[in-house]
PDB file of N, CA and C in Angstrom:
ATOM      1  N   MET A   1       3.755  29.262  35.092  1.00  0.00           N
ATOM      2  CA  MET A   1       2.492  29.832  34.587  1.00  0.00           C
ATOM      3  C   MET A   1       2.769  30.794  33.439  1.00  0.00           C
ATOM      4  N   VAL A   2       3.797  31.645  33.579  1.00  0.00           N
ATOM      5  CA  VAL A   2       4.065  32.672  32.561  1.00  0.00           C
ATOM      6  C   VAL A   2       4.592  32.040  31.281  1.00  0.00           C
ATOM      7  N   GLY A   3       5.210  30.859  31.381  1.00  0.00           N
ATOM      8  CA  GLY A   3       5.839  30.256  30.203  1.00  0.00           C
ATOM      9  C   GLY A   3       4.821  29.796  29.170  1.00  0.00           C
ATOM     10  N   GLY A   4       3.595  29.468  29.583  1.00  0.00           N
ATOM     11  CA  GLY A   4       2.636  28.908  28.638  1.00  0.00           C
ATOM     12  C   GLY A   4       1.610  29.925  28.165  1.00  0.00           C
ATOM     13  N   VAL A   5       1.812  31.195  28.479  1.00  0.00           N
ATOM     14  CA  VAL A   5       0.809  32.201  28.107  1.00  0.00           C
ATOM     15  C   VAL A   5       0.797  32.399  26.600  1.00  0.00           C
ATOM     16  N   ASN A   6       1.947  32.231  25.957  1.00  0.00           N
ATOM     17  CA  ASN A   6       2.038  32.481  24.515  1.00  0.00           C
ATOM     18  C   ASN A   6       1.179  31.506  23.720  1.00  0.00           C
ATOM     19  N   VAL A   7       1.019  30.282  24.234  1.00  0.00           N
ATOM     20  CA  VAL A   7       0.279  29.257  23.505  1.00  0.00           C
ATOM     21  C   VAL A   7      -1.220  29.524  23.571  1.00  0.00           C
ATOM     22  N   GLY A   8      -1.655  30.262  24.591  1.00  0.00           N
ATOM     23  CA  GLY A   8      -3.087  30.517  24.746  1.00  0.00           C
ATOM     24  C   GLY A   8      -3.716  29.536  25.721  1.00  0.00           C
ATOM     25  N   THR A   9      -2.869  28.866  26.486  1.00  0.00           N
ATOM     26  CA  THR A   9      -3.230  27.886  27.518  1.00  0.00           C
ATOM     27  C   THR A   9      -4.705  27.519  27.593  1.00  0.00           C
ATOM     28  N   PRO A  10      -5.092  26.402  26.992  1.00  0.00           N
ATOM     29  CA  PRO A  10      -6.476  25.920  27.089  1.00  0.00           C
ATOM     30  C   PRO A  10      -6.831  25.535  28.518  1.00  0.00           C
ATOM     31  N   GLU A  11      -5.814  25.307  29.352  1.00  0.00           N
ATOM     32  CA  GLU A  11      -6.107  24.940  30.740  1.00  0.00           C
ATOM     33  C   GLU A  11      -6.876  26.043  31.443  1.00  0.00           C
ATOM     34  N   ILE A  12      -6.515  27.293  31.161  1.00  0.00           N
ATOM     35  CA  ILE A  12      -7.210  28.415  31.799  1.00  0.00           C
ATOM     36  C   ILE A  12      -8.671  28.426  31.368  1.00  0.00           C
ATOM     37  N   MET A  13      -8.923  28.163  30.093  1.00  0.00           N
ATOM     38  CA  MET A  13     -10.303  28.132  29.608  1.00  0.00           C
ATOM     39  C   MET A  13     -11.075  27.016  30.308  1.00  0.00           C
ATOM     40  N   ILE A  14     -10.440  25.844  30.457  1.00  0.00           N
ATOM     41  CA  ILE A  14     -11.110  24.706  31.102  1.00  0.00           C
ATOM     42  C   ILE A  14     -11.395  25.039  32.563  1.00  0.00           C
ATOM     43  N   ILE A  15     -10.417  25.663  33.237  1.00  0.00           N
ATOM     44  CA  ILE A  15     -10.614  26.013  34.650  1.00  0.00           C
ATOM     45  C   ILE A  15     -11.731  27.034  34.786  1.00  0.00           C
ATOM     46  N   MET A  16     -11.762  28.037  33.888  1.00  0.00           N
ATOM     47  CA  MET A  16     -12.816  29.058  33.946  1.00  0.00           C
ATOM     48  C   MET A  16     -14.178  28.398  33.750  1.00  0.00           C
ATOM     49  N   LEU A  17     -14.278  27.500  32.751  1.00  0.00           N
ATOM     50  CA  LEU A  17     -15.553  26.829  32.504  1.00  0.00           C
ATOM     51  C   LEU A  17     -15.956  25.970  33.699  1.00  0.00           C
ATOM     52  N   ALA A  18     -14.988  25.270  34.277  1.00  0.00           N
ATOM     53  CA  ALA A  18     -15.290  24.413  35.429  1.00  0.00           C
ATOM     54  C   ALA A  18     -15.791  25.255  36.598  1.00  0.00           C
ATOM     55  N   LEU A  19     -15.116  26.386  36.858  1.00  0.00           N
ATOM     56  CA  LEU A  19     -15.547  27.253  37.962  1.00  0.00           C
ATOM     57  C   LEU A  19     -16.939  27.800  37.692  1.00  0.00           C
ATOM     58  N   PHE A  20     -17.225  28.136  36.434  1.00  0.00           N
ATOM     59  CA  PHE A  20     -18.548  28.670  36.092  1.00  0.00           C
ATOM     60  C   PHE A  20     -19.625  27.619  36.327  1.00  0.00           C
ATOM     61  N   VAL A  21     -19.344  26.382  35.918  1.00  0.00           N
ATOM     62  CA  VAL A  21     -20.317  25.298  36.110  1.00  0.00           C
ATOM     63  C   VAL A  21     -20.537  25.047  37.598  1.00  0.00           C
ATOM     64  N   VAL A  22     -19.449  25.015  38.365  1.00  0.00           N
ATOM     65  CA  VAL A  22     -19.570  24.797  39.813  1.00  0.00           C
ATOM     66  C   VAL A  22     -20.381  25.924  40.437  1.00  0.00           C
ATOM     67  N   PHE A  23     -20.143  27.156  39.968  1.00  0.00           N
ATOM     68  CA  PHE A  23     -20.890  28.301  40.502  1.00  0.00           C
ATOM     69  C   PHE A  23     -22.377  28.153  40.223  1.00  0.00           C
ATOM     70  N   LEU A  24     -22.709  27.726  39.006  1.00  0.00           N
ATOM     71  CA  LEU A  24     -24.121  27.549  38.662  1.00  0.00           C
ATOM     72  C   LEU A  24     -24.749  26.450  39.515  1.00  0.00           C
ATOM     73  N   VAL A  25     -24.030  25.344  39.709  1.00  0.00           N
ATOM     74  CA  VAL A  25     -24.565  24.232  40.499  1.00  0.00           C
ATOM     75  C   VAL A  25     -24.795  24.672  41.941  1.00  0.00           C
ATOM     76  N   VAL A  26     -23.814  25.375  42.510  1.00  0.00           N
ATOM     77  CA  VAL A  26     -23.951  25.833  43.894  1.00  0.00           C
ATOM     78  C   VAL A  26     -25.108  26.816  44.000  1.00  0.00           C
ATOM     79  N   ARG A  27     -25.254  27.683  43.002  1.00  0.00           N
ATOM     80  CA  ARG A  27     -26.344  28.657  43.036  1.00  0.00           C
ATOM     81  C   ARG A  27     -27.687  27.939  42.966  1.00  0.00           C
ATOM     82  N   ASN A  28     -27.765  26.907  42.142  1.00  0.00           N
ATOM     83  CA  ASN A  28     -29.022  26.148  42.034  1.00  0.00           C
ATOM     84  C   ASN A  28     -29.339  25.443  43.352  1.00  0.00           C
ATOM     85  N   ILE A  29     -28.311  24.954  44.030  1.00  0.00           N
ATOM     86  CA  ILE A  29     -28.528  24.259  45.300  1.00  0.00           C
ATOM     87  C   ILE A  29     -28.977  25.258  46.367  1.00  0.00           C
ATOM     88  N   ILE A  30     -28.348  26.440  46.378  1.00  0.00           N
ATOM     89  CA  ILE A  30     -28.698  27.438  47.401  1.00  0.00           C
ATOM     90  C   ILE A  30     -30.082  28.017  47.127  1.00  0.00           C
ATOM     91  N   TYR A  31     -30.320  28.370  45.868  1.00  0.00           N
ATOM     92  CA  TYR A  31     -31.613  28.985  45.535  1.00  0.00           C
ATOM     93  C   TYR A  31     -32.527  27.953  44.884  1.00  0.00           C
ATOM     94  N   GLN A  32     -32.900  26.926  45.647  1.00  0.00           N
ATOM     95  CA  GLN A  32     -33.795  25.927  45.088  1.00  0.00           C
ATOM     96  C   GLN A  32     -35.222  26.486  45.047  1.00  0.00           C
ATOM     97  N   PRO A  33     -35.883  26.338  43.915  1.00  0.00           N
ATOM     98  CA  PRO A  33     -37.268  26.804  43.807  1.00  0.00           C
ATOM     99  C   PRO A  33     -38.182  26.008  44.726  1.00  0.00           C
ATOM    100  N   LYS A  34     -38.810  26.706  45.672  1.00  0.00           N
ATOM    101  CA  LYS A  34     -39.694  26.010  46.612  1.00  0.00           C
ATOM    102  C   LYS A  34     -41.123  26.138  46.121  1.00  0.00           C
ATOM    103  N   GLU A  35     -41.609  25.062  45.478  1.00  0.00           N
ATOM    104  CA  GLU A  35     -42.968  25.126  44.915  1.00  0.00           C
ATOM    105  C   GLU A  35     -43.910  24.294  45.784  1.00  0.00           C
TER     106      GLU A  35
END
């Protein structure tokens, strides 16, 4: 993990974005608007 920090590891950005999207999806499922 420490060896690729100098490059700016795009993997971390992809993982962060993926976790954010999953969080939004889970939040939408939990807090479904009941109309």
